[in-house]
């Protein structure tokens, strides 16, 4: 799957295309979540501190997942990616359920509110796609 050429590891074309797509989506989601949470925390944190803090946590998890997926060709990278993606899946399902059952808990939307509805449900689907991709890989965590 990975071949050593000079001083760089080069992924096989079959695996690198999907990985590149996955990393690209995570980069975009990371930037969106970082921007949104940063703005909310800087301008109106006192209105909904829990919701805005959760958005910041989601953003940090996305950044960690992005880096871990990039490094998923190692055992440590695959392990970190698995942990980040499981945390992300539990977070989006937990916050999603709570925000649907009792909307008063989150007076402002978070990245994971209503299962990521504000982000076209990408936060709900993405960790499972990432876990599926990791499971297909040759590196086991």
Foldseek 3Di string as FASTA:
>chain_A
DWDDDDHDIDDDPVLVVVLVVLLVVLVVLLVVLCVVLVVCCVPPCVVFVVQSVLSVVLSVLSVQLSVLSVVLVELVSLVSNLVSLVVLQCSLVVQCVCCVVPVVNGVDHHCSHVCNVVVVNCSNVSSVVSVVSSVPDPHHD
